[in-house]
Structures are given as structure tokens and as C-alpha cells.
Amino acid sequence: MIYTVQIKVMPLKELLDPQGKAVMSGLVNMGLTGVEDVRVGKNISLQVNADSADQAKLMAEEASKKLLANPVMEYFEISCETPNPPQAES
């Protein structure tokens, strides 16, 4: 089955986020003063052929650890969408 796996990669909370600060400054300059903080990260979508959602998540976790996220500066979160079953033809 093909699973859609979403990987959210964000800077560690204890680290400065220069992109987030630049966006925050831009928002303030536009007059949007109600925003308290901005963090900028990445969203990566994978289409994974796996036997189960758990296997798809494991594959995404391996990809994240080895390639998609830098553990010194970033953390990641994984979510997996269960595919819709094939529709019967009428």
C-alpha cells in the first residue's frame, strides 16, 4: 500500500531561529503586532510503499535521522495518513 507520510522538521526550541526572527521583523513592519513568536521549518511529504503504517513511519524515521534533519539543530515529527481502500466499481 502507498502511505502518505508527513515529516515536520523544526529548529530546536532552545536555539535561535534566524529565519523566524526575520519573518517576525517583517510581520511587525507590516503592522501585524499580535504575533508573539515565529519559528520556520520544513514540511516534507513522502509517498511510501509499505505493508503497514508502522513500517511507513519507520522508513520515514530512518530517512529523517540519516538525511532530512540535523539532530544537532533540529527535531522532527512524523505523521502517517492511512490510504483509502480501493473503491469497488459499480
N, C-alpha and C. Protein backbone atom coordinates (compact mmCIF):
# COMPACT_ATOMS: atom_id res chain seq x y z
N MET A 1 0.83 -1.18 0.00
CA MET A 1 0.00 0.00 0.00
C MET A 1 0.87 1.25 0.00
N ILE A 2 0.34 2.30 -0.56
CA ILE A 2 1.04 3.57 -0.57
C ILE A 2 0.51 4.45 0.57
N TYR A 3 1.41 4.85 1.45
CA TYR A 3 1.08 5.72 2.57
C TYR A 3 1.68 7.10 2.32
N THR A 4 0.96 8.13 2.73
CA THR A 4 1.50 9.48 2.70
C THR A 4 2.03 9.78 4.09
N VAL A 5 3.32 10.04 4.15
CA VAL A 5 3.98 10.34 5.43
C VAL A 5 4.41 11.80 5.42
N GLN A 6 4.02 12.52 6.45
CA GLN A 6 4.42 13.92 6.61
C GLN A 6 5.50 14.00 7.67
N ILE A 7 6.59 14.69 7.34
CA ILE A 7 7.67 14.89 8.29
C ILE A 7 7.82 16.40 8.51
N LYS A 8 7.65 16.82 9.75
CA LYS A 8 7.84 18.22 10.10
C LYS A 8 9.20 18.35 10.77
N VAL A 9 10.07 19.18 10.18
CA VAL A 9 11.41 19.41 10.72
C VAL A 9 11.46 20.86 11.21
N MET A 10 11.80 21.04 12.47
CA MET A 10 11.83 22.38 13.07
C MET A 10 13.13 22.58 13.84
N PRO A 11 13.55 23.85 13.97
CA PRO A 11 14.73 24.12 14.79
C PRO A 11 14.45 23.77 16.25
N LEU A 12 15.46 23.30 16.95
CA LEU A 12 15.30 23.02 18.37
C LEU A 12 14.82 24.27 19.09
N LYS A 13 13.94 24.09 20.06
CA LYS A 13 13.32 25.22 20.75
C LYS A 13 14.36 26.09 21.47
N GLU A 14 15.45 25.47 21.92
CA GLU A 14 16.44 26.25 22.67
C GLU A 14 17.41 27.02 21.77
N LEU A 15 17.32 26.82 20.46
CA LEU A 15 18.23 27.51 19.54
C LEU A 15 17.56 28.72 18.89
N LEU A 16 18.38 29.70 18.57
CA LEU A 16 17.91 30.88 17.85
C LEU A 16 17.47 30.45 16.45
N ASP A 17 16.37 31.03 15.98
CA ASP A 17 15.86 30.75 14.64
C ASP A 17 15.95 32.03 13.81
N PRO A 18 17.07 32.23 13.08
CA PRO A 18 17.25 33.47 12.33
C PRO A 18 16.15 33.71 11.29
N GLN A 19 15.70 32.66 10.62
CA GLN A 19 14.61 32.84 9.65
C GLN A 19 13.33 33.28 10.35
N GLY A 20 13.05 32.68 11.47
CA GLY A 20 11.87 33.06 12.24
C GLY A 20 11.94 34.51 12.70
N LYS A 21 13.13 34.94 13.13
CA LYS A 21 13.30 36.34 13.56
C LYS A 21 13.10 37.29 12.38
N ALA A 22 13.59 36.92 11.19
CA ALA A 22 13.42 37.77 10.01
C ALA A 22 11.95 37.88 9.64
N VAL A 23 11.22 36.77 9.70
CA VAL A 23 9.79 36.79 9.40
C VAL A 23 9.06 37.63 10.44
N MET A 24 9.43 37.46 11.70
CA MET A 24 8.81 38.23 12.78
C MET A 24 9.01 39.73 12.55
N SER A 25 10.21 40.11 12.18
CA SER A 25 10.51 41.52 11.90
C SER A 25 9.65 42.04 10.74
N GLY A 26 9.51 41.23 9.69
CA GLY A 26 8.68 41.61 8.55
C GLY A 26 7.23 41.78 8.93
N LEU A 27 6.72 40.89 9.78
CA LEU A 27 5.33 40.99 10.23
C LEU A 27 5.11 42.27 11.03
N VAL A 28 6.06 42.59 11.91
CA VAL A 28 5.95 43.82 12.70
C VAL A 28 5.98 45.04 11.79
N ASN A 29 6.87 45.01 10.79
CA ASN A 29 6.95 46.12 9.84
C ASN A 29 5.65 46.30 9.05
N MET A 30 4.91 45.20 8.85
CA MET A 30 3.63 45.26 8.14
C MET A 30 2.49 45.69 9.06
N GLY A 31 2.79 45.85 10.34
CA GLY A 31 1.76 46.26 11.28
C GLY A 31 1.05 45.11 11.97
N LEU A 32 1.51 43.89 11.77
CA LEU A 32 0.90 42.72 12.42
C LEU A 32 1.61 42.50 13.76
N THR A 33 1.17 43.25 14.76
CA THR A 33 1.87 43.25 16.04
C THR A 33 1.36 42.20 17.02
N GLY A 34 0.32 41.47 16.68
CA GLY A 34 -0.23 40.48 17.60
C GLY A 34 0.53 39.15 17.60
N VAL A 35 1.45 38.95 16.67
CA VAL A 35 2.20 37.69 16.60
C VAL A 35 3.29 37.72 17.67
N GLU A 36 3.34 36.70 18.51
CA GLU A 36 4.28 36.65 19.62
C GLU A 36 5.63 36.03 19.24
N ASP A 37 5.62 35.03 18.36
CA ASP A 37 6.86 34.35 18.00
C ASP A 37 6.67 33.66 16.67
N VAL A 38 7.75 33.46 15.94
CA VAL A 38 7.72 32.75 14.66
C VAL A 38 8.88 31.76 14.63
N ARG A 39 8.60 30.53 14.25
CA ARG A 39 9.62 29.51 14.03
C ARG A 39 9.42 29.02 12.60
N VAL A 40 10.50 28.93 11.82
CA VAL A 40 10.42 28.49 10.44
C VAL A 40 11.08 27.13 10.32
N GLY A 41 10.37 26.20 9.68
CA GLY A 41 10.90 24.85 9.50
C GLY A 41 10.57 24.34 8.11
N LYS A 42 10.57 23.01 8.00
CA LYS A 42 10.30 22.35 6.71
C LYS A 42 9.19 21.33 6.91
N ASN A 43 8.39 21.16 5.88
CA ASN A 43 7.42 20.07 5.84
C ASN A 43 7.76 19.22 4.63
N ILE A 44 8.00 17.94 4.87
CA ILE A 44 8.39 17.02 3.80
C ILE A 44 7.32 15.95 3.70
N SER A 45 6.84 15.73 2.49
CA SER A 45 5.81 14.73 2.24
C SER A 45 6.42 13.59 1.43
N LEU A 46 6.28 12.37 1.95
CA LEU A 46 6.79 11.18 1.26
C LEU A 46 5.63 10.27 0.90
N GLN A 47 5.68 9.70 -0.28
CA GLN A 47 4.76 8.62 -0.66
C GLN A 47 5.55 7.33 -0.47
N VAL A 48 5.14 6.51 0.48
CA VAL A 48 5.90 5.34 0.87
C VAL A 48 5.11 4.07 0.58
N ASN A 49 5.74 3.13 -0.12
CA ASN A 49 5.14 1.83 -0.36
C ASN A 49 5.57 0.92 0.79
N ALA A 50 4.60 0.55 1.64
CA ALA A 50 4.90 -0.25 2.82
C ALA A 50 3.73 -1.18 3.12
N ASP A 51 4.01 -2.19 3.93
CA ASP A 51 2.97 -3.16 4.31
C ASP A 51 2.02 -2.62 5.38
N SER A 52 2.49 -1.63 6.16
CA SER A 52 1.68 -1.08 7.24
C SER A 52 2.08 0.37 7.50
N ALA A 53 1.22 1.07 8.22
CA ALA A 53 1.53 2.46 8.59
C ALA A 53 2.76 2.51 9.48
N ASP A 54 2.90 1.52 10.37
CA ASP A 54 4.06 1.49 11.25
C ASP A 54 5.35 1.33 10.46
N GLN A 55 5.34 0.48 9.45
CA GLN A 55 6.52 0.30 8.61
C GLN A 55 6.82 1.58 7.83
N ALA A 56 5.80 2.26 7.34
CA ALA A 56 5.99 3.53 6.63
C ALA A 56 6.62 4.57 7.56
N LYS A 57 6.15 4.62 8.81
CA LYS A 57 6.71 5.56 9.78
C LYS A 57 8.18 5.23 10.08
N LEU A 58 8.50 3.95 10.20
CA LEU A 58 9.89 3.55 10.45
C LEU A 58 10.80 3.97 9.30
N MET A 59 10.32 3.82 8.08
CA MET A 59 11.10 4.23 6.91
C MET A 59 11.32 5.74 6.94
N ALA A 60 10.29 6.50 7.28
CA ALA A 60 10.39 7.95 7.36
C ALA A 60 11.33 8.37 8.49
N GLU A 61 11.29 7.65 9.59
CA GLU A 61 12.18 7.96 10.71
C GLU A 61 13.64 7.74 10.32
N GLU A 62 13.91 6.66 9.61
CA GLU A 62 15.27 6.39 9.16
C GLU A 62 15.74 7.49 8.20
N ALA A 63 14.88 7.89 7.26
CA ALA A 63 15.22 8.95 6.32
C ALA A 63 15.48 10.26 7.06
N SER A 64 14.67 10.53 8.07
CA SER A 64 14.82 11.77 8.84
C SER A 64 16.14 11.79 9.60
N LYS A 65 16.46 10.68 10.25
CA LYS A 65 17.70 10.61 11.03
C LYS A 65 18.94 10.68 10.15
N LYS A 66 18.88 10.05 8.98
CA LYS A 66 20.06 9.96 8.13
C LYS A 66 20.22 11.11 7.16
N LEU A 67 19.12 11.80 6.79
CA LEU A 67 19.22 12.78 5.73
C LEU A 67 18.43 14.06 5.95
N LEU A 68 17.20 13.96 6.41
CA LEU A 68 16.28 15.09 6.35
C LEU A 68 16.41 16.10 7.50
N ALA A 69 16.90 15.65 8.66
CA ALA A 69 17.02 16.54 9.81
C ALA A 69 18.43 16.48 10.38
N ASN A 70 18.91 17.61 10.85
CA ASN A 70 20.20 17.69 11.52
C ASN A 70 19.94 17.64 13.02
N PRO A 71 20.25 16.51 13.70
CA PRO A 71 19.87 16.37 15.11
C PRO A 71 20.56 17.36 16.04
N VAL A 72 21.63 18.00 15.59
CA VAL A 72 22.31 19.00 16.42
C VAL A 72 21.47 20.27 16.50
N MET A 73 20.73 20.56 15.43
CA MET A 73 19.99 21.82 15.37
C MET A 73 18.48 21.67 15.19
N GLU A 74 18.01 20.47 14.85
CA GLU A 74 16.59 20.30 14.50
C GLU A 74 16.00 19.06 15.17
N TYR A 75 14.69 19.09 15.31
CA TYR A 75 13.95 17.89 15.70
C TYR A 75 12.92 17.62 14.61
N PHE A 76 12.36 16.41 14.60
CA PHE A 76 11.35 16.09 13.60
C PHE A 76 10.19 15.35 14.23
N GLU A 77 9.03 15.50 13.58
CA GLU A 77 7.80 14.79 13.96
C GLU A 77 7.25 14.13 12.72
N ILE A 78 6.74 12.92 12.89
CA ILE A 78 6.24 12.14 11.75
C ILE A 78 4.76 11.82 11.96
N SER A 79 3.98 11.99 10.90
CA SER A 79 2.59 11.54 10.90
C SER A 79 2.34 10.78 9.61
N CYS A 80 1.45 9.82 9.69
CA CYS A 80 1.19 8.96 8.54
C CYS A 80 -0.31 8.91 8.28
N GLU A 81 -0.67 9.13 7.02
CA GLU A 81 -2.07 9.04 6.61
C GLU A 81 -2.35 7.64 6.07
N THR A 82 -3.37 7.01 6.61
CA THR A 82 -3.75 5.69 6.11
C THR A 82 -4.44 5.85 4.77
N PRO A 83 -4.02 5.08 3.79
CA PRO A 83 -4.63 5.24 2.45
C PRO A 83 -6.09 4.81 2.46
N ASN A 84 -6.85 5.39 1.55
CA ASN A 84 -8.23 4.98 1.38
C ASN A 84 -8.26 3.63 0.68
N PRO A 85 -9.14 2.74 1.09
CA PRO A 85 -9.22 1.45 0.39
C PRO A 85 -9.73 1.65 -1.03
N PRO A 86 -9.34 0.80 -1.95
CA PRO A 86 -9.81 0.94 -3.32
C PRO A 86 -11.34 0.87 -3.39
N GLN A 87 -11.92 1.70 -4.23
CA GLN A 87 -13.37 1.73 -4.39
C GLN A 87 -13.80 0.62 -5.37
N ALA A 88 -14.87 -0.04 -5.02
CA ALA A 88 -15.41 -1.07 -5.92
C ALA A 88 -16.10 -0.38 -7.10
N GLU A 89 -15.88 -0.92 -8.28
CA GLU A 89 -16.51 -0.34 -9.45
C GLU A 89 -17.97 -0.78 -9.51
N SER A 90 -18.88 0.14 -9.92
CA SER A 90 -20.29 -0.21 -9.99
C SER A 90 -20.72 -0.45 -11.41
